Amino acid sequence: MRARTLAFIVAALALWLAAPARAGEAAGFELVMVERAGCAWCQRWNAEVAPLYGKTPEGAQAPLRRHDLAAGQPTAAKAPVRYTPTFLLLRDGREVGRINGYLDDSTFWGLLGAMLKREAGASAAQG
């Protein structure tokens, strides 16, 4: 009996931890980081934010994908990307928000959080 209880708790915990990722996937959000080699601000973002990004609610809601600007413009971008890093918030493969540049981690999290809140509200209103 005790082993079944423990197995149930472990299974429930696994489902609970996976739920935010599935919620982001259901909404179709993705964050594309457009970067290029030698970009000092990209390196700073990589040091300050990247190690934590996938472990946050924002990272679960909008998984990160990287795009090297040397490979050309991202096809989902509404307008050309001129600066790196540029962060494109995509919903179902279409750009719905953009952060040009990186100043510091608190500014990044604030801007990303506001975009996700706005877009999640727009999704809820439509659906």
C-alpha atoms as a PDB file:
ATOM      1  CA  MET A   1       0.000   0.000   0.000  1.00  0.00           C
ATOM      2  CA  ARG A   2       2.771   2.422   0.894  1.00  0.00           C
ATOM      3  CA  ALA A   3       4.584   1.849  -2.429  1.00  0.00           C
ATOM      4  CA  ARG A   4       1.389   2.617  -4.391  1.00  0.00           C
ATOM      5  CA  THR A   5       0.878   5.832  -2.430  1.00  0.00           C
ATOM      6  CA  LEU A   6       4.437   6.916  -3.123  1.00  0.00           C
ATOM      7  CA  ALA A   7       4.063   6.039  -6.821  1.00  0.00           C
ATOM      8  CA  PHE A   8       0.846   8.076  -6.978  1.00  0.00           C
ATOM      9  CA  ILE A   9       2.529  11.087  -5.364  1.00  0.00           C
ATOM     10  CA  VAL A  10       5.489  10.872  -7.757  1.00  0.00           C
ATOM     11  CA  ALA A  11       3.152  10.612 -10.774  1.00  0.00           C
ATOM     12  CA  ALA A  12       1.035  13.541  -9.576  1.00  0.00           C
ATOM     13  CA  LEU A  13       4.140  15.661  -9.016  1.00  0.00           C
ATOM     14  CA  ALA A  14       5.420  14.842 -12.513  1.00  0.00           C
ATOM     15  CA  LEU A  15       2.099  15.906 -14.043  1.00  0.00           C
ATOM     16  CA  TRP A  16       2.064  19.104 -12.010  1.00  0.00           C
ATOM     17  CA  LEU A  17       5.612  20.009 -13.069  1.00  0.00           C
ATOM     18  CA  ALA A  18       4.851  19.297 -16.739  1.00  0.00           C
ATOM     19  CA  ALA A  19       1.588  21.288 -16.795  1.00  0.00           C
ATOM     20  CA  PRO A  20       3.130  24.747 -17.454  1.00  0.00           C
ATOM     21  CA  ALA A  21       5.047  23.402 -20.457  1.00  0.00           C
ATOM     22  CA  ARG A  22       1.911  21.857 -21.910  1.00  0.00           C
ATOM     23  CA  ALA A  23      -0.007  25.089 -21.321  1.00  0.00           C
ATOM     24  CA  GLY A  24       2.586  27.044 -23.317  1.00  0.00           C
ATOM     25  CA  GLU A  25       2.553  24.474 -26.082  1.00  0.00           C
ATOM     26  CA  ALA A  26      -1.246  24.585 -26.239  1.00  0.00           C
ATOM     27  CA  ALA A  27      -1.146  28.354 -26.666  1.00  0.00           C
ATOM     28  CA  GLY A  28       1.545  27.947 -29.319  1.00  0.00           C
ATOM     29  CA  PHE A  29       3.989  30.470 -27.821  1.00  0.00           C
ATOM     30  CA  GLU A  30       7.692  30.448 -28.614  1.00  0.00           C
ATOM     31  CA  LEU A  31      10.452  32.962 -27.911  1.00  0.00           C
ATOM     32  CA  VAL A  32      13.037  33.293 -30.670  1.00  0.00           C
ATOM     33  CA  MET A  33      16.334  34.872 -29.691  1.00  0.00           C
ATOM     34  CA  VAL A  34      17.985  36.366 -32.763  1.00  0.00           C
ATOM     35  CA  GLU A  35      21.705  36.560 -32.092  1.00  0.00           C
ATOM     36  CA  ARG A  36      25.040  36.734 -33.875  1.00  0.00           C
ATOM     37  CA  ALA A  37      28.622  35.752 -33.105  1.00  0.00           C
ATOM     38  CA  GLY A  38      30.566  38.346 -31.146  1.00  0.00           C
ATOM     39  CA  CYS A  39      27.480  40.124 -29.785  1.00  0.00           C
ATOM     40  CA  ALA A  40      28.453  41.330 -26.300  1.00  0.00           C
ATOM     41  CA  TRP A  41      24.804  41.879 -25.268  1.00  0.00           C
ATOM     42  CA  CYS A  42      23.927  38.353 -26.412  1.00  0.00           C
ATOM     43  CA  GLN A  43      26.765  37.038 -24.254  1.00  0.00           C
ATOM     44  CA  ARG A  44      25.493  39.054 -21.309  1.00  0.00           C
ATOM     45  CA  TRP A  45      21.948  37.632 -21.766  1.00  0.00           C
ATOM     46  CA  ASN A  46      23.456  34.154 -22.013  1.00  0.00           C
ATOM     47  CA  ALA A  47      25.228  34.680 -18.680  1.00  0.00           C
ATOM     48  CA  GLU A  48      22.404  36.414 -16.797  1.00  0.00           C
ATOM     49  CA  VAL A  49      19.176  34.881 -18.125  1.00  0.00           C
ATOM     50  CA  ALA A  50      19.814  31.765 -20.226  1.00  0.00           C
ATOM     51  CA  PRO A  51      20.716  29.421 -17.334  1.00  0.00           C
ATOM     52  CA  LEU A  52      17.356  30.145 -15.671  1.00  0.00           C
ATOM     53  CA  TYR A  53      15.054  30.721 -18.621  1.00  0.00           C
ATOM     54  CA  GLY A  54      13.826  27.162 -19.140  1.00  0.00           C
ATOM     55  CA  LYS A  55      13.122  26.793 -15.402  1.00  0.00           C
ATOM     56  CA  THR A  56      10.762  29.776 -15.197  1.00  0.00           C
ATOM     57  CA  PRO A  57       7.020  30.065 -15.851  1.00  0.00           C
ATOM     58  CA  GLU A  58       7.864  32.312 -18.818  1.00  0.00           C
ATOM     59  CA  GLY A  59      10.222  29.685 -20.207  1.00  0.00           C
ATOM     60  CA  ALA A  60       7.536  27.035 -19.844  1.00  0.00           C
ATOM     61  CA  GLN A  61       4.950  29.250 -21.529  1.00  0.00           C
ATOM     62  CA  ALA A  62       7.241  30.337 -24.382  1.00  0.00           C
ATOM     63  CA  PRO A  63      10.086  27.849 -24.991  1.00  0.00           C
ATOM     64  CA  LEU A  64      13.294  29.394 -26.327  1.00  0.00           C
ATOM     65  CA  ARG A  65      14.609  28.840 -29.830  1.00  0.00           C
ATOM     66  CA  ARG A  66      17.756  30.527 -31.096  1.00  0.00           C
ATOM     67  CA  HIS A  67      18.294  31.977 -34.558  1.00  0.00           C
ATOM     68  CA  ASP A  68      21.676  33.119 -35.896  1.00  0.00           C
ATOM     69  CA  LEU A  69      21.258  36.338 -37.874  1.00  0.00           C
ATOM     70  CA  ALA A  70      24.147  35.224 -40.109  1.00  0.00           C
ATOM     71  CA  ALA A  71      21.747  32.587 -41.479  1.00  0.00           C
ATOM     72  CA  GLY A  72      19.380  35.326 -42.631  1.00  0.00           C
ATOM     73  CA  GLN A  73      16.271  36.997 -41.325  1.00  0.00           C
ATOM     74  CA  PRO A  74      13.853  34.865 -39.314  1.00  0.00           C
ATOM     75  CA  THR A  75      10.897  34.023 -41.530  1.00  0.00           C
ATOM     76  CA  ALA A  76       8.392  34.734 -38.731  1.00  0.00           C
ATOM     77  CA  ALA A  77       9.591  38.329 -38.228  1.00  0.00           C
ATOM     78  CA  LYS A  78       7.112  41.062 -39.201  1.00  0.00           C
ATOM     79  CA  ALA A  79       9.954  43.512 -39.850  1.00  0.00           C
ATOM     80  CA  PRO A  80      13.697  43.069 -40.415  1.00  0.00           C
ATOM     81  CA  VAL A  81      15.809  42.370 -37.338  1.00  0.00           C
ATOM     82  CA  ARG A  82      18.575  44.951 -37.195  1.00  0.00           C
ATOM     83  CA  TYR A  83      20.001  44.527 -33.680  1.00  0.00           C
ATOM     84  CA  THR A  84      21.105  41.580 -31.604  1.00  0.00           C
ATOM     85  CA  PRO A  85      19.851  40.272 -29.439  1.00  0.00           C
ATOM     86  CA  THR A  86      16.265  40.681 -30.583  1.00  0.00           C
ATOM     87  CA  PHE A  87      13.607  38.525 -28.980  1.00  0.00           C
ATOM     88  CA  LEU A  88      10.559  37.633 -31.060  1.00  0.00           C
ATOM     89  CA  LEU A  89       7.493  36.332 -29.261  1.00  0.00           C
ATOM     90  CA  LEU A  90       5.674  33.996 -31.624  1.00  0.00           C
ATOM     91  CA  ARG A  91       2.199  32.565 -31.286  1.00  0.00           C
ATOM     92  CA  ASP A  92       1.424  29.748 -33.693  1.00  0.00           C
ATOM     93  CA  GLY A  93       4.532  30.701 -35.704  1.00  0.00           C
ATOM     94  CA  ARG A  94       3.649  34.405 -36.147  1.00  0.00           C
ATOM     95  CA  GLU A  95       5.335  37.363 -34.435  1.00  0.00           C
ATOM     96  CA  VAL A  96       3.081  38.939 -31.814  1.00  0.00           C
ATOM     97  CA  GLY A  97       5.723  40.839 -29.823  1.00  0.00           C
ATOM     98  CA  ARG A  98       9.327  41.946 -29.929  1.00  0.00           C
ATOM     99  CA  ILE A  99      12.077  43.040 -27.544  1.00  0.00           C
ATOM    100  CA  ASN A 100      14.889  44.887 -29.303  1.00  0.00           C
ATOM    101  CA  GLY A 101      18.162  44.535 -27.426  1.00  0.00           C
ATOM    102  CA  TYR A 102      19.036  43.549 -23.894  1.00  0.00           C
ATOM    103  CA  LEU A 103      19.708  46.019 -21.098  1.00  0.00           C
ATOM    104  CA  ASP A 104      19.517  43.877 -17.962  1.00  0.00           C
ATOM    105  CA  ASP A 105      17.651  40.917 -16.558  1.00  0.00           C
ATOM    106  CA  SER A 106      14.947  42.863 -14.724  1.00  0.00           C
ATOM    107  CA  THR A 107      14.043  44.842 -17.848  1.00  0.00           C
ATOM    108  CA  PHE A 108      13.971  41.659 -19.941  1.00  0.00           C
ATOM    109  CA  TRP A 109      11.712  39.798 -17.486  1.00  0.00           C
ATOM    110  CA  GLY A 110       9.402  42.800 -17.162  1.00  0.00           C
ATOM    111  CA  LEU A 111       8.995  43.250 -20.916  1.00  0.00           C
ATOM    112  CA  LEU A 112       8.583  39.529 -21.582  1.00  0.00           C
ATOM    113  CA  GLY A 113       6.072  39.153 -18.752  1.00  0.00           C
ATOM    114  CA  ALA A 114       3.995  42.056 -20.058  1.00  0.00           C
ATOM    115  CA  MET A 115       3.969  40.635 -23.605  1.00  0.00           C
ATOM    116  CA  LEU A 116       2.978  37.164 -22.420  1.00  0.00           C
ATOM    117  CA  LYS A 117       0.228  38.548 -20.207  1.00  0.00           C
ATOM    118  CA  ARG A 118      -1.136  40.666 -23.049  1.00  0.00           C
ATOM    119  CA  GLU A 119      -1.040  37.828 -25.565  1.00  0.00           C
ATOM    120  CA  ALA A 120      -2.443  35.232 -23.184  1.00  0.00           C
ATOM    121  CA  GLY A 121      -5.336  37.634 -22.511  1.00  0.00           C
ATOM    122  CA  ALA A 122      -5.866  38.123 -26.236  1.00  0.00           C
ATOM    123  CA  SER A 123      -5.873  34.331 -26.740  1.00  0.00           C
ATOM    124  CA  ALA A 124      -8.423  33.874 -23.962  1.00  0.00           C
ATOM    125  CA  ALA A 125     -10.647  36.612 -25.398  1.00  0.00           C
ATOM    126  CA  GLN A 126     -10.582  34.983 -28.852  1.00  0.00           C
ATOM    127  CA  GLY A 127     -11.124  31.436 -27.634  1.00  0.00           C
END
